[in-house]
């Protein structure tokens, strides 16, 4: 049942349409704002609450690659990490540093699937 829920949350994340930002138009969150957001996500009790917090962040602006990498480490499941990274990529302010995001993934398939999104 838990796997089904995780798959459902992941599919919902992928289905969410990213806001129309171009990478050059956004600046990453300030360190203070990121610290507050990180704390909110880490203290969220349920997976869907954590995902909702990430969505709030992405609705408000952009993240640096390092900030995204740090947030992804808060998620246990590979498919959720992948869905969050795919959703967040259009709002990464420094795409040239995105390679460090790949480090959070355990499986080459996840990296390949994320690279497909990045290369579009």
Protein backbone atom coordinates (compact mmCIF):
# COMPACT_ATOMS: atom_id res chain seq x y z
CA UNK A 1 0.00 0.00 0.00
CA UNK A 2 2.87 2.36 0.84
CA UNK A 3 4.49 1.72 -2.55
CA UNK A 4 1.21 2.50 -4.28
CA UNK A 5 0.95 5.78 -2.38
CA UNK A 6 4.54 6.69 -3.27
CA UNK A 7 3.89 5.94 -6.93
CA UNK A 8 0.72 8.03 -6.84
CA UNK A 9 2.52 11.02 -5.31
CA UNK A 10 5.34 10.67 -7.84
CA UNK A 11 2.95 10.57 -10.77
CA UNK A 12 1.12 13.63 -9.45
CA UNK A 13 4.40 15.54 -9.26
CA UNK A 14 5.36 14.65 -12.80
CA UNK A 15 1.93 15.69 -14.01
CA UNK A 16 2.23 19.17 -12.49
CA UNK A 17 3.13 21.68 -15.15
CA UNK A 18 6.16 23.79 -14.31
CA UNK A 19 5.70 27.52 -14.20
CA UNK A 20 6.93 29.40 -17.23
CA UNK A 21 10.27 30.61 -15.92
CA UNK A 22 13.37 30.76 -17.94
CA UNK A 23 16.52 29.95 -16.08
CA UNK A 24 18.00 33.39 -16.65
CA UNK A 25 14.98 35.12 -15.10
CA UNK A 26 15.26 33.74 -11.61
CA UNK A 27 17.51 34.02 -8.61
CA UNK A 28 17.81 31.31 -5.97
CA UNK A 29 16.27 31.67 -2.53
CA UNK A 30 18.25 33.58 0.03
CA UNK A 31 20.13 31.44 2.54
CA UNK A 32 17.74 32.51 5.31
CA UNK A 33 14.62 31.69 3.29
CA UNK A 34 16.12 28.38 2.23
CA UNK A 35 16.90 27.47 5.82
CA UNK A 36 13.27 28.14 6.78
CA UNK A 37 11.98 26.12 3.82
CA UNK A 38 14.37 23.25 4.54
CA UNK A 39 13.19 23.13 8.14
CA UNK A 40 9.52 23.12 7.08
CA UNK A 41 10.10 20.21 4.73
CA UNK A 42 12.19 18.21 7.16
CA UNK A 43 9.59 18.65 9.90
CA UNK A 44 6.63 17.71 7.69
CA UNK A 45 5.20 14.47 9.01
CA UNK A 46 3.94 12.89 5.82
CA UNK A 47 5.41 12.47 2.37
CA UNK A 48 2.63 14.39 0.67
CA UNK A 49 3.18 17.28 3.11
CA UNK A 50 6.88 17.35 2.22
CA UNK A 51 6.04 17.39 -1.48
CA UNK A 52 3.49 20.17 -0.91
CA UNK A 53 6.16 22.25 0.81
CA UNK A 54 8.47 21.82 -2.18
CA UNK A 55 5.66 22.88 -4.49
CA UNK A 56 5.15 26.03 -2.39
CA UNK A 57 8.83 26.86 -2.76
CA UNK A 58 8.71 26.37 -6.51
CA UNK A 59 5.60 28.53 -6.82
CA UNK A 60 7.43 31.37 -5.10
CA UNK A 61 10.65 31.33 -7.12
CA UNK A 62 13.79 29.45 -7.94
CA UNK A 63 16.42 27.31 -6.32
CA UNK A 64 20.09 26.86 -6.94
CA UNK A 65 21.30 23.41 -7.93
CA UNK A 66 22.84 23.02 -4.49
CA UNK A 67 19.60 24.00 -2.77
CA UNK A 68 17.69 21.45 -4.84
CA UNK A 69 20.29 18.77 -4.08
CA UNK A 70 19.95 19.51 -0.37
CA UNK A 71 16.15 19.27 -0.51
CA UNK A 72 16.25 15.99 -2.41
CA UNK A 73 18.27 14.46 0.41
CA UNK A 74 15.20 14.89 2.63
CA UNK A 75 13.33 12.29 0.56
CA UNK A 76 13.86 8.59 1.10
CA UNK A 77 12.33 7.17 -2.06
CA UNK A 78 14.20 7.38 -5.35
CA UNK A 79 11.06 7.89 -7.44
CA UNK A 80 9.98 10.83 -5.29
CA UNK A 81 13.43 12.39 -5.56
CA UNK A 82 13.23 11.96 -9.33
CA UNK A 83 9.75 13.47 -9.57
CA UNK A 84 10.74 16.45 -7.42
CA UNK A 85 13.93 17.03 -9.44
CA UNK A 86 12.02 16.83 -12.73
CA UNK A 87 9.45 19.29 -11.45
CA UNK A 88 12.09 21.68 -10.08
CA UNK A 89 14.54 21.70 -12.99
CA UNK A 90 12.85 24.53 -14.94
CA UNK A 91 13.28 26.71 -11.86
CA UNK A 92 16.93 26.02 -11.19
CA UNK A 93 18.86 29.25 -11.41
CA UNK A 94 22.23 27.72 -12.28
CA UNK A 95 21.70 24.93 -14.76
CA UNK A 96 25.44 24.85 -15.42
CA UNK A 97 25.87 23.36 -11.92
CA UNK A 98 23.03 20.85 -12.18
CA UNK A 99 25.44 17.90 -12.32
CA UNK A 100 25.72 17.96 -8.53
CA UNK A 101 22.01 17.11 -8.31
CA UNK A 102 22.66 13.74 -9.94
CA UNK A 103 24.75 12.71 -6.93
CA UNK A 104 21.66 12.14 -4.76
CA UNK A 105 20.41 9.30 -6.94
CA UNK A 106 21.34 5.69 -6.27
CA UNK A 107 20.28 4.28 -9.63
CA UNK A 108 21.67 5.06 -13.06
CA UNK A 109 18.16 4.77 -14.50
CA UNK A 110 17.01 7.69 -12.35
CA UNK A 111 19.92 9.81 -13.54
CA UNK A 112 19.17 8.89 -17.16
CA UNK A 113 15.49 9.81 -16.76
CA UNK A 114 16.40 13.15 -15.20
CA UNK A 115 18.94 13.83 -17.95
CA UNK A 116 16.14 13.34 -20.50
CA UNK A 117 14.22 16.19 -18.86
CA UNK A 118 17.31 18.39 -18.64
CA UNK A 119 18.20 17.88 -22.29
CA UNK A 120 14.79 19.04 -23.57
